[in-house]
Amino acid sequence: MHVPNDAGRDDLLRALLADARENRPTKVLVQGRLRTFQAPLNAITLTGLYLEARSTRAIRIEPQD
């Protein structure tokens, strides 16, 4: 997933980092466009996924119960 570089990006990344440091599970809800692409390997081709959010406002962090 690509996180847009807008005004809310630093706060979003700080929140994710704080949860990771505390070993806290986090639910991340993202609204955006899901794209697929061919991801070729040596013997087979898999399908890759790319999630594109328009802004950091489309990404919500909720504490996991």
Protein backbone atom coordinates (compact mmCIF):
# COMPACT_ATOMS: atom_id res chain seq x y z
CA MET A 1 0.00 0.00 0.00
CA HIS A 2 1.15 3.50 -0.79
CA VAL A 3 0.50 6.13 1.92
CA PRO A 4 -0.01 9.54 0.31
CA ASN A 5 2.46 12.24 1.33
CA ASP A 6 0.00 14.83 2.61
CA ALA A 7 -0.52 16.78 5.84
CA GLY A 8 -1.80 13.78 7.84
CA ARG A 9 0.93 11.31 6.87
CA ASP A 10 3.31 11.94 9.77
CA ASP A 11 0.54 11.58 12.37
CA LEU A 12 -0.66 8.37 10.74
CA LEU A 13 2.81 6.86 10.70
CA ARG A 14 3.45 7.93 14.32
CA ALA A 15 0.24 6.17 15.42
CA LEU A 16 1.20 2.97 13.60
CA LEU A 17 4.72 3.08 15.03
CA ALA A 18 3.41 3.63 18.58
CA ASP A 19 1.15 0.58 18.28
CA ALA A 20 4.02 -1.50 16.91
CA ARG A 21 6.35 -0.46 19.74
CA GLU A 22 3.69 -1.40 22.32
CA ASN A 23 3.05 -4.69 20.50
CA ARG A 24 -0.60 -3.61 20.30
CA PRO A 25 -2.85 -5.10 17.60
CA THR A 26 -4.31 -2.42 15.34
CA LYS A 27 -7.20 -2.46 12.90
CA VAL A 28 -6.55 -0.31 9.84
CA LEU A 29 -9.52 0.61 7.64
CA VAL A 30 -8.66 1.90 4.18
CA GLN A 31 -10.90 3.36 1.52
CA GLY A 32 -9.37 3.47 -1.92
CA ARG A 33 -8.77 1.70 -5.18
CA LEU A 34 -7.53 -1.88 -5.31
CA ARG A 35 -5.49 -2.74 -8.39
CA THR A 36 -4.07 -6.04 -9.53
CA PHE A 37 -0.92 -6.73 -11.52
CA GLN A 38 0.94 -9.75 -12.81
CA ALA A 39 3.81 -10.75 -10.53
CA PRO A 40 5.95 -13.19 -12.51
CA LEU A 41 8.20 -15.65 -10.69
CA ASN A 42 10.64 -18.14 -12.17
CA ALA A 43 8.08 -20.85 -12.98
CA ILE A 44 4.66 -19.23 -12.49
CA THR A 45 2.91 -15.89 -12.52
CA LEU A 46 1.00 -14.77 -9.45
CA THR A 47 -1.42 -11.90 -9.05
CA GLY A 48 -0.17 -8.98 -6.97
CA LEU A 49 -2.36 -6.43 -5.21
CA TYR A 50 -1.78 -2.69 -4.84
CA LEU A 51 -4.03 -0.52 -2.67
CA GLU A 52 -4.10 3.19 -3.45
CA ALA A 53 -5.68 5.67 -1.01
CA ARG A 54 -6.39 9.23 -2.20
CA SER A 55 -5.30 10.84 1.08
CA THR A 56 -4.49 9.91 4.65
CA ARG A 57 -8.07 10.86 5.55
CA ALA A 58 -9.06 7.63 3.75
CA ILE A 59 -7.02 5.63 6.31
CA ARG A 60 -8.48 5.09 9.78
CA ILE A 61 -6.76 3.40 12.70
CA GLU A 62 -8.94 1.70 15.30
CA PRO A 63 -7.70 -0.05 18.44
CA GLN A 64 -8.22 -3.79 18.42
CA ASP A 65 -10.24 -5.20 21.32
